[in-house]
Amino acid sequence: MGKLFGTDGIRGRANNYPITPEIALQVGKAIAHVFRGQGTGSSKVVIGKDTRLSGYMLETALTSGLVSMGMDVLEIGPMPTPAIAHLTRSMGAACGIMITASHNPSDDNGIKIFSSDGFKLPDEVENEIEDLILGGKIDSAHVEPGKIGKAYRIDDARGRYIEFAKSSIKNKSLKGIKAVLDCANGAGYYIAPLIFKELGVEVIKVATEPDGYNINHNCGATCPQSISKMVVETGADVGISLDGDADRVIFCDSKGNVVNGDRIIGMCALDFKKTGKLAGNSIAITSMSNLGLHKAMQKAGINVEITAVGDRYVIERMKEKDLNVGGEQSGHVIFMDYATTGDGIITALHVLKLMVEQKQPLTELAAFMNEFPQKHTNINVSKKVPIEELPSLQKVISEAEAEMGDNGRTVVRYSGTENKLRILVEAGDGALVDKWSENIAAVVRKELCK
């Protein structure tokens, strides 16, 4: 058996290793073993899921493993990932588990685990769980019959999260805003429209009829252009596109222009600075964020912390530096004053609140930065050879960076959750972006797609 944990929990194709009921059972047992030994004083585990058909299979297997080791399971059902992180804390659970593959297609699924404080597990705890499973150390571990745990369906979980999300903007009325809300047929399909409607938003719902297979299919944060036309046609003020587990969000302005995570982070940082709430006078973003954001923050006197790609690395830096605003271009935005992970719904509430308070459309709020031309290329690879062991790839990257100089850059990295190599080329000159994107991609295909 190969390694289980990637950059965002355990993920893969459903009913294929490691996303099988057999492994999920072992994961449940290992989690129980680890968290019962941590002295949290709790024997409860919160489990939520998105809308994938395979979620039923994994939920049942995880629950069986947990109760066989004496843990009680609180089954929440379909709920956003950040809701599970919040409920883990508010319900005094030893840990929380979210069954999701986020923005991936419906055939994939995954397991994300949160500590009792609502943060994703540190590497050392993931390694401990992995060692227990791969080393066969818990195959036959069970508790006495009288100590077997119980599983409960929790009916008031939605209400708890609804009030928590609304409180992040102090229940401010958002009346007067008309929004097209795309829930990606995912975890936010039911709860997100309720939250916005309760605060007075006129909501036009899109992709809120999950069938187990249509999550993220031509909808959601990976396909925000799908609602651009609808925003214009309906005269809406804004389009809001959540991803499959609602921990990230991408917007469209009233003209149908896509507004990504960089612009959202920047406009919120400027507002926080203006109101004296920006902790450390800094934001944390990944190496994928546009150079235009860096320049805009520099102009505003805001420091920028740069991390590796992945919201867990942004969160680690925010905790280390005691920051309260950060995120990723892809739409993971973290407001550490309220949440322990990216939260698409809370992010959207803050953006709508900003529109109401400043009496400005999203178009104007997002105009604080000029984006550098940027191109992302994702290539399926047959193997993940370390980039430093590919001289031809190193050479073409060096040539690209030499020609672009200080006015451009490249980021070439493997996906942490899929067999893909991701290429980012960014420069002040769009022609250079196209040229070097194609040149680097050609070398990658020759070296890694055999």
Protein backbone atom coordinates (compact mmCIF):
# COMPACT_ATOMS: atom_id res chain seq x y z
CA MET A 1 0.00 0.00 0.00
CA GLY A 2 1.18 3.49 -0.82
CA LYS A 3 1.12 6.73 1.16
CA LEU A 4 -2.34 7.83 2.27
CA PHE A 5 -2.21 11.56 3.04
CA GLY A 6 -1.61 14.24 0.42
CA THR A 7 -1.65 18.02 0.82
CA ASP A 8 -5.36 18.05 1.66
CA GLY A 9 -6.12 14.84 3.54
CA ILE A 10 -6.69 11.52 1.80
CA ARG A 11 -8.06 11.77 -1.72
CA GLY A 12 -8.54 9.65 -4.84
CA ARG A 13 -11.01 7.89 -7.09
CA ALA A 14 -13.89 6.32 -5.17
CA ASN A 15 -13.68 2.53 -4.72
CA ASN A 16 -10.01 2.63 -5.70
CA TYR A 17 -7.13 2.71 -3.21
CA PRO A 18 -7.05 4.61 -0.90
CA ILE A 19 -10.72 5.66 -1.14
CA THR A 20 -12.18 2.25 -0.33
CA PRO A 21 -14.45 1.12 2.52
CA GLU A 22 -11.65 -1.12 3.80
CA ILE A 23 -9.24 1.80 4.15
CA ALA A 24 -11.96 4.09 5.53
CA LEU A 25 -12.68 1.51 8.24
CA GLN A 26 -8.98 1.47 9.15
CA VAL A 27 -8.85 5.27 9.11
CA GLY A 28 -11.76 5.39 11.56
CA LYS A 29 -10.03 2.94 13.90
CA ALA A 30 -6.70 4.79 13.68
CA ILE A 31 -8.35 8.15 14.36
CA ALA A 32 -10.04 6.70 17.43
CA HIS A 33 -6.77 5.22 18.64
CA VAL A 34 -4.87 8.50 18.22
CA PHE A 35 -7.49 10.88 19.62
CA ARG A 36 -8.49 8.72 22.57
CA GLY A 37 -4.81 8.77 23.54
CA GLN A 38 -4.50 12.56 23.31
CA GLY A 39 -6.42 13.24 26.50
CA THR A 40 -8.95 15.63 24.92
CA GLY A 41 -11.56 14.44 27.40
CA SER A 42 -13.98 13.80 24.55
CA SER A 43 -14.98 10.58 22.86
CA LYS A 44 -17.07 12.35 20.19
CA VAL A 45 -16.26 12.67 16.49
CA VAL A 46 -18.21 14.90 14.09
CA ILE A 47 -18.63 13.54 10.54
CA GLY A 48 -19.93 15.57 7.60
CA LYS A 49 -19.90 15.02 3.85
CA ASP A 50 -20.61 16.63 0.52
CA THR A 51 -23.15 15.27 -1.97
CA ARG A 52 -21.14 12.57 -3.76
CA LEU A 53 -22.79 9.16 -3.96
CA SER A 54 -19.69 7.50 -2.49
CA GLY A 55 -20.09 9.59 0.66
CA TYR A 56 -22.63 7.11 2.04
CA MET A 57 -20.13 4.26 1.67
CA LEU A 58 -17.28 6.14 3.33
CA GLU A 59 -19.44 7.57 6.11
CA THR A 60 -20.64 4.09 7.06
CA ALA A 61 -17.13 2.60 7.00
CA LEU A 62 -15.58 5.44 9.02
CA THR A 63 -18.38 5.25 11.56
CA SER A 64 -17.93 1.49 11.95
CA GLY A 65 -14.22 1.92 12.60
CA LEU A 66 -14.76 4.70 15.12
CA VAL A 67 -17.51 3.03 17.16
CA SER A 68 -15.60 -0.28 17.19
CA MET A 69 -12.89 1.58 19.09
CA GLY A 70 -15.26 3.22 21.58
CA MET A 71 -15.88 6.61 19.95
CA ASP A 72 -19.33 8.19 19.59
CA VAL A 73 -20.08 9.58 16.13
CA LEU A 74 -22.16 12.69 15.45
CA GLU A 75 -23.37 12.41 11.85
CA ILE A 76 -24.11 15.84 10.40
CA GLY A 77 -24.93 14.90 6.79
CA PRO A 78 -24.22 17.19 3.81
CA MET A 79 -22.61 20.36 5.16
CA PRO A 80 -19.76 22.68 4.10
CA THR A 81 -16.24 21.77 5.18
CA PRO A 82 -15.88 24.96 7.29
CA ALA A 83 -19.14 24.06 9.05
CA ILE A 84 -17.60 20.76 10.15
CA ALA A 85 -14.51 22.59 11.41
CA HIS A 86 -16.72 24.98 13.40
CA LEU A 87 -19.01 22.25 14.76
CA THR A 88 -16.01 20.21 15.90
CA ARG A 89 -15.09 23.06 18.18
CA SER A 90 -18.57 24.14 19.27
CA MET A 91 -19.75 20.60 20.04
CA GLY A 92 -16.64 19.73 22.04
CA ALA A 93 -15.59 16.87 19.78
CA ALA A 94 -12.19 15.21 19.87
CA CYS A 95 -11.93 15.69 16.12
CA GLY A 96 -13.96 16.28 12.97
CA ILE A 97 -14.03 14.43 9.65
CA MET A 98 -15.24 15.81 6.32
CA ILE A 99 -15.86 13.39 3.45
CA THR A 100 -15.19 15.37 0.30
CA ALA A 101 -12.98 15.78 -2.74
CA SER A 102 -13.67 19.52 -2.82
CA HIS A 103 -13.60 20.79 -6.43
CA ASN A 104 -12.78 17.39 -8.00
CA PRO A 105 -15.23 15.45 -10.21
CA SER A 106 -17.94 13.27 -8.64
CA ASP A 107 -16.01 10.03 -9.17
CA ASP A 108 -13.39 11.21 -6.66
CA ASN A 109 -13.76 11.48 -2.91
CA GLY A 110 -11.60 12.15 0.11
CA ILE A 111 -11.28 12.39 3.87
CA LYS A 112 -10.26 15.62 5.63
CA ILE A 113 -9.62 15.52 9.36
CA PHE A 114 -9.76 18.38 11.86
CA SER A 115 -8.34 18.55 15.38
CA SER A 116 -10.52 19.56 18.33
CA ASP A 117 -9.55 23.21 17.70
CA GLY A 118 -11.02 23.13 14.18
CA PHE A 119 -7.68 23.26 12.36
CA LYS A 120 -6.49 20.63 9.90
CA LEU A 121 -4.26 17.96 11.40
CA PRO A 122 -0.55 18.73 11.70
CA ASP A 123 1.79 16.51 9.69
CA GLU A 124 2.95 14.54 12.71
CA VAL A 125 -0.61 13.43 13.57
CA GLU A 126 -1.32 12.48 9.95
CA ASN A 127 1.91 10.46 9.98
CA GLU A 128 0.86 8.70 13.18
CA ILE A 129 -2.50 7.72 11.67
CA GLU A 130 -0.80 6.59 8.47
CA ASP A 131 1.76 4.49 10.34
CA LEU A 132 -0.97 2.71 12.31
CA ILE A 133 -2.80 1.76 9.11
CA LEU A 134 0.11 0.91 6.83
CA GLY A 135 1.90 -0.95 9.63
CA GLY A 136 -1.13 -3.14 10.31
CA LYS A 137 -1.02 -2.09 13.97
CA ILE A 138 -4.79 -1.73 14.42
CA ASP A 139 -6.14 -4.50 12.19
CA SER A 140 -7.46 -6.49 15.13
CA ALA A 141 -7.77 -3.70 17.71
CA HIS A 142 -11.22 -3.42 19.30
CA VAL A 143 -12.78 -2.45 22.61
CA GLU A 144 -14.85 -4.64 24.91
CA PRO A 145 -18.52 -5.07 23.82
CA GLY A 146 -19.74 -2.84 26.63
CA LYS A 147 -17.51 0.03 25.47
CA ILE A 148 -18.57 0.11 21.80
CA GLY A 149 -19.54 3.63 20.74
CA LYS A 150 -22.81 4.95 19.32
CA ALA A 151 -23.71 6.92 16.21
CA TYR A 152 -26.20 9.79 16.31
CA ARG A 153 -27.81 11.94 13.60
CA ILE A 154 -27.60 15.59 14.70
CA ASP A 155 -30.65 17.59 13.60
CA ASP A 156 -29.73 21.09 14.79
CA ALA A 157 -26.29 21.28 13.13
CA ARG A 158 -27.53 23.45 10.26
CA GLY A 159 -29.02 26.02 12.63
CA ARG A 160 -25.79 26.20 14.61
CA TYR A 161 -23.72 26.97 11.52
CA ILE A 162 -26.26 29.40 10.05
CA GLU A 163 -26.09 31.57 13.18
CA PHE A 164 -22.30 31.29 13.33
CA ALA A 165 -21.89 32.41 9.69
CA LYS A 166 -24.29 35.34 10.06
CA SER A 167 -22.56 36.46 13.26
CA SER A 168 -19.30 36.89 11.31
CA ILE A 169 -20.80 40.10 9.88
CA LYS A 170 -22.81 40.80 13.06
CA ASN A 171 -26.08 39.85 11.30
CA LYS A 172 -25.85 42.99 9.16
CA SER A 173 -28.73 43.37 6.72
CA LEU A 174 -27.75 42.83 3.09
CA LYS A 175 -31.12 43.92 1.79
CA GLY A 176 -31.00 45.49 -1.64
CA ILE A 177 -28.46 43.07 -3.10
CA LYS A 178 -29.52 40.66 -5.82
CA ALA A 179 -27.21 37.66 -6.20
CA VAL A 180 -26.94 34.64 -8.45
CA LEU A 181 -25.75 31.86 -6.13
CA ASP A 182 -24.10 28.78 -7.66
CA CYS A 183 -23.73 26.03 -5.05
CA ALA A 184 -21.95 23.54 -7.37
CA ASN A 185 -24.58 20.88 -6.51
CA GLY A 186 -22.37 20.39 -3.48
CA ALA A 187 -22.25 20.65 0.29
CA GLY A 188 -23.65 24.19 0.41
CA TYR A 189 -26.67 23.47 -1.80
CA TYR A 190 -29.24 23.78 1.01
CA ILE A 191 -27.64 25.91 3.69
CA ALA A 192 -26.02 28.68 1.60
CA PRO A 193 -29.25 30.06 0.06
CA LEU A 194 -30.87 30.08 3.52
CA ILE A 195 -28.07 32.17 5.03
CA PHE A 196 -28.15 34.81 2.30
CA LYS A 197 -31.97 34.98 2.26
CA GLU A 198 -32.13 35.41 6.03
CA LEU A 199 -29.90 38.48 5.70
CA GLY A 200 -32.14 40.01 3.03
CA VAL A 201 -30.37 39.04 -0.19
CA GLU A 202 -32.57 38.36 -3.22
CA VAL A 203 -31.15 34.95 -4.24
CA ILE A 204 -31.34 33.32 -7.65
CA LYS A 205 -30.32 29.70 -7.02
CA VAL A 206 -28.16 27.71 -9.43
CA ALA A 207 -26.83 24.13 -9.09
CA THR A 208 -28.78 23.36 -5.91
CA GLU A 209 -30.19 19.98 -6.98
CA PRO A 210 -27.48 17.38 -6.25
CA ASP A 211 -28.04 13.83 -7.52
CA GLY A 212 -24.79 12.25 -6.31
CA TYR A 213 -23.11 12.67 -9.69
CA ASN A 214 -23.45 16.32 -10.72
CA ILE A 215 -21.25 17.96 -8.07
CA ASN A 216 -18.87 20.49 -9.74
CA HIS A 217 -20.14 19.45 -13.20
CA ASN A 218 -20.01 22.61 -15.35
CA CYS A 219 -20.76 24.69 -12.28
CA GLY A 220 -19.21 26.07 -9.11
CA ALA A 221 -15.98 27.88 -8.31
CA THR A 222 -14.00 26.04 -11.01
CA CYS A 223 -16.50 27.22 -13.63
CA PRO A 224 -17.59 30.74 -12.62
CA GLN A 225 -18.17 31.70 -16.24
CA SER A 226 -21.24 29.43 -16.15
CA ILE A 227 -23.19 32.12 -14.26
CA SER A 228 -21.60 35.23 -15.81
CA LYS A 229 -24.27 35.45 -18.49
CA MET A 230 -27.06 34.86 -15.97
CA VAL A 231 -25.80 37.67 -13.74
CA VAL A 232 -26.03 40.10 -16.65
CA GLU A 233 -29.36 38.78 -17.94
CA THR A 234 -31.07 38.94 -14.54
CA GLY A 235 -29.64 42.32 -13.60
CA ALA A 236 -28.00 40.85 -10.52
CA ASP A 237 -25.43 42.81 -8.53
CA VAL A 238 -23.11 39.86 -8.06
CA GLY A 239 -22.55 36.20 -8.87
CA ILE A 240 -21.30 33.86 -6.12
CA SER A 241 -19.79 30.48 -7.08
CA LEU A 242 -19.00 28.03 -4.28
CA ASP A 243 -17.01 24.84 -4.82
CA GLY A 244 -18.11 21.30 -3.96
CA ASP A 245 -17.45 21.57 -0.23
CA ALA A 246 -18.05 25.34 0.01
CA ASP A 247 -14.66 26.21 1.48
CA ARG A 248 -13.82 28.45 -1.46
CA VAL A 249 -15.66 30.99 -3.59
CA ILE A 250 -15.21 32.92 -6.83
CA PHE A 251 -17.35 35.90 -7.83
CA CYS A 252 -18.72 37.64 -10.93
CA ASP A 253 -19.42 41.35 -10.91
CA SER A 254 -22.59 42.85 -12.39
CA LYS A 255 -20.95 43.00 -15.82
CA GLY A 256 -20.16 39.28 -15.73
CA ASN A 257 -16.43 39.71 -15.12
CA VAL A 258 -14.86 36.99 -12.96
CA VAL A 259 -13.42 38.24 -9.65
CA ASN A 260 -10.97 35.74 -8.17
CA GLY A 261 -9.47 35.13 -4.74
CA ASP A 262 -6.61 37.61 -5.22
CA ARG A 263 -8.99 40.52 -5.64
CA ILE A 264 -11.18 39.38 -2.76
CA ILE A 265 -8.21 39.05 -0.39
CA GLY A 266 -6.90 42.44 -1.47
CA MET A 267 -10.16 44.37 -1.16
CA CYS A 268 -10.85 42.85 2.27
CA ALA A 269 -7.29 43.60 3.41
CA LEU A 270 -7.68 47.23 2.33
CA ASP A 271 -10.96 47.46 4.26
CA PHE A 272 -9.43 45.83 7.35
CA LYS A 273 -6.49 48.23 7.22
CA LYS A 274 -8.79 51.23 6.83
CA THR A 275 -10.82 50.17 9.89
CA GLY A 276 -7.76 49.26 11.97
CA LYS A 277 -8.50 45.52 11.99
CA LEU A 278 -5.67 44.15 9.82
CA ALA A 279 -3.53 42.09 12.20
CA GLY A 280 0.20 42.55 11.73
CA ASN A 281 -0.51 44.93 8.84
CA SER A 282 0.04 41.84 6.65
CA ILE A 283 -1.70 39.22 4.54
CA ALA A 284 -0.61 35.65 3.75
CA ILE A 285 -0.92 34.36 0.17
CA THR A 286 0.64 31.60 -1.91
CA SER A 287 3.21 31.77 -4.69
CA MET A 288 0.35 31.52 -7.23
CA SER A 289 -1.10 34.94 -6.43
CA ASN A 290 -0.81 37.55 -9.15
CA LEU A 291 2.06 40.03 -9.08
CA GLY A 292 -0.56 42.74 -9.42
CA LEU A 293 -1.78 41.93 -5.91
CA HIS A 294 1.77 42.26 -4.55
CA LYS A 295 2.17 45.68 -6.15
CA ALA A 296 -1.24 46.91 -4.91
CA MET A 297 -0.49 45.80 -1.35
CA GLN A 298 2.95 47.41 -1.49
CA LYS A 299 1.33 50.66 -2.62
CA ALA A 300 -1.12 50.48 0.31
CA GLY A 301 1.67 49.80 2.81
CA ILE A 302 0.52 46.24 3.52
CA ASN A 303 3.12 43.48 3.95
CA VAL A 304 2.78 40.22 2.03
CA GLU A 305 3.76 36.81 3.42
CA ILE A 306 4.28 34.21 0.65
CA THR A 307 3.72 30.49 1.27
CA ALA A 308 3.73 27.23 -0.65
CA VAL A 309 0.56 26.37 -2.57
CA GLY A 310 -2.23 24.99 -0.38
CA ASP A 311 -4.55 26.61 2.13
CA ARG A 312 -2.99 24.60 4.98
CA TYR A 313 0.33 26.41 4.39
CA VAL A 314 -1.41 29.79 4.36
CA ILE A 315 -3.14 28.93 7.64
CA GLU A 316 0.13 27.76 9.21
CA ARG A 317 1.77 31.08 8.31
CA MET A 318 -1.22 33.04 9.60
CA LYS A 319 -1.04 31.20 12.93
CA GLU A 320 2.74 31.67 13.10
CA LYS A 321 2.57 35.42 12.40
CA ASP A 322 -0.79 36.01 14.14
CA LEU A 323 -2.48 37.30 10.96
CA ASN A 324 -6.21 37.44 10.28
CA VAL A 325 -6.51 37.74 6.47
CA GLY A 326 -5.05 35.38 3.89
CA GLY A 327 -5.84 32.89 1.17
CA GLU A 328 -5.39 31.67 -2.36
CA GLN A 329 -6.16 32.93 -5.84
CA SER A 330 -8.40 29.88 -6.28
CA GLY A 331 -10.90 31.30 -3.79
CA HIS A 332 -9.80 29.89 -0.44
CA VAL A 333 -10.03 33.00 1.76
CA ILE A 334 -9.35 32.73 5.47
CA PHE A 335 -10.68 35.19 8.02
CA MET A 336 -8.91 33.90 11.12
CA ASP A 337 -11.03 36.11 13.41
CA TYR A 338 -13.99 33.87 12.60
CA ALA A 339 -12.92 30.61 10.99
CA THR A 340 -10.10 28.06 11.13
CA THR A 341 -10.26 27.19 7.44
CA GLY A 342 -11.33 28.73 4.14
CA ASP A 343 -15.06 29.48 4.20
CA GLY A 344 -16.79 30.40 0.94
CA ILE A 345 -20.01 31.50 2.61
CA ILE A 346 -18.34 33.74 5.22
CA THR A 347 -16.12 35.21 2.49
CA ALA A 348 -19.18 36.02 0.37
CA LEU A 349 -20.91 37.61 3.35
CA HIS A 350 -17.92 39.89 3.90
CA VAL A 351 -17.86 40.90 0.24
CA LEU A 352 -21.59 41.71 0.20
CA LYS A 353 -21.21 43.62 3.49
CA LEU A 354 -18.42 45.66 1.89
CA MET A 355 -20.65 46.46 -1.10
CA VAL A 356 -23.45 47.64 1.21
CA GLU A 357 -21.25 49.67 3.55
CA GLN A 358 -19.21 51.36 0.86
CA LYS A 359 -22.19 51.71 -1.50
CA GLN A 360 -20.00 50.49 -4.34
CA PRO A 361 -20.48 47.73 -6.89
CA LEU A 362 -18.06 44.82 -6.89
CA THR A 363 -16.56 46.16 -10.15
CA GLU A 364 -15.26 49.25 -8.35
CA LEU A 365 -14.17 47.44 -5.19
CA ALA A 366 -12.15 44.97 -7.28
CA ALA A 367 -10.47 47.66 -9.36
CA PHE A 368 -7.73 48.34 -6.80
CA MET A 369 -5.21 46.15 -8.68
CA ASN A 370 -4.04 45.64 -12.25
CA GLU A 371 -3.58 41.97 -13.05
CA PHE A 372 -0.46 40.80 -14.85
CA PRO A 373 -1.17 38.46 -17.79
CA GLN A 374 -1.07 34.96 -16.36
CA LYS A 375 -1.56 31.50 -17.82
CA HIS A 376 -2.20 28.23 -15.98
CA THR A 377 -1.53 24.92 -17.73
CA ASN A 378 -2.38 21.56 -16.13
CA ILE A 379 -0.84 18.46 -17.69
CA ASN A 380 -1.69 14.85 -16.77
CA VAL A 381 1.56 13.01 -16.10
CA SER A 382 2.34 9.30 -15.93
CA LYS A 383 4.90 9.77 -13.15
CA LYS A 384 6.06 12.44 -10.70
CA VAL A 385 9.79 12.73 -11.20
CA PRO A 386 11.26 15.45 -8.92
CA ILE A 387 11.61 18.60 -11.00
CA GLU A 388 15.22 19.05 -9.90
CA GLU A 389 15.98 15.69 -11.56
CA LEU A 390 14.79 16.92 -14.98
CA PRO A 391 17.64 18.99 -16.52
CA SER A 392 15.70 19.85 -19.68
CA LEU A 393 12.81 21.24 -17.64
CA GLN A 394 15.18 23.18 -15.39
CA LYS A 395 16.83 24.63 -18.47
CA VAL A 396 13.64 25.92 -20.11
CA ILE A 397 12.45 27.41 -16.80
CA SER A 398 15.78 29.25 -16.41
CA GLU A 399 15.53 30.56 -19.98
CA ALA A 400 12.00 31.81 -19.34
CA GLU A 401 12.93 33.61 -16.13
CA ALA A 402 16.02 35.13 -17.74
CA GLU A 403 13.97 36.68 -20.54
CA MET A 404 11.13 37.91 -18.29
CA GLY A 405 13.46 39.28 -15.59
CA ASP A 406 11.89 41.11 -12.64
CA ASN A 407 8.68 41.65 -14.60
CA GLY A 408 7.63 38.01 -14.70
CA ARG A 409 7.97 34.56 -13.16
CA THR A 410 7.20 30.86 -13.48
CA VAL A 411 5.82 28.39 -10.94
CA VAL A 412 6.06 24.72 -11.91
CA ARG A 413 4.83 22.15 -9.40
CA TYR A 414 3.02 18.85 -9.05
CA SER A 415 -0.55 18.72 -7.78
CA GLY A 416 -0.72 17.43 -4.23
CA THR A 417 -3.96 15.54 -4.90
CA GLU A 418 -3.84 14.46 -8.58
CA ASN A 419 -1.32 13.08 -11.10
CA LYS A 420 -0.89 16.46 -12.72
CA LEU A 421 1.89 18.97 -13.18
CA ARG A 422 0.76 22.58 -12.92
CA ILE A 423 2.50 25.36 -14.82
CA LEU A 424 2.03 29.05 -14.08
CA VAL A 425 3.68 31.69 -16.26
CA GLU A 426 3.15 35.37 -15.49
CA ALA A 427 4.64 38.50 -17.04
CA GLY A 428 3.92 42.07 -17.96
CA ASP A 429 3.98 41.03 -21.64
CA GLY A 430 1.20 38.61 -22.66
CA ALA A 431 3.20 37.38 -25.66
CA LEU A 432 5.97 36.18 -23.34
CA VAL A 433 3.40 34.39 -21.20
CA ASP A 434 2.10 32.44 -24.20
CA LYS A 435 5.57 31.71 -25.51
CA TRP A 436 6.99 30.28 -22.31
CA SER A 437 3.81 28.47 -21.29
CA GLU A 438 3.98 26.55 -24.56
CA ASN A 439 7.74 25.93 -24.35
CA ILE A 440 7.60 24.61 -20.78
CA ALA A 441 4.52 22.47 -21.53
CA ALA A 442 6.27 20.92 -24.54
CA VAL A 443 9.21 19.81 -22.40
CA VAL A 444 6.87 18.43 -19.72
CA ARG A 445 4.93 16.38 -22.27
CA LYS A 446 8.14 14.98 -23.71
CA GLU A 447 9.60 14.07 -20.31
CA LEU A 448 6.61 13.02 -18.22
CA CYS A 449 3.84 11.88 -20.56
CA LYS A 450 5.54 8.87 -22.12
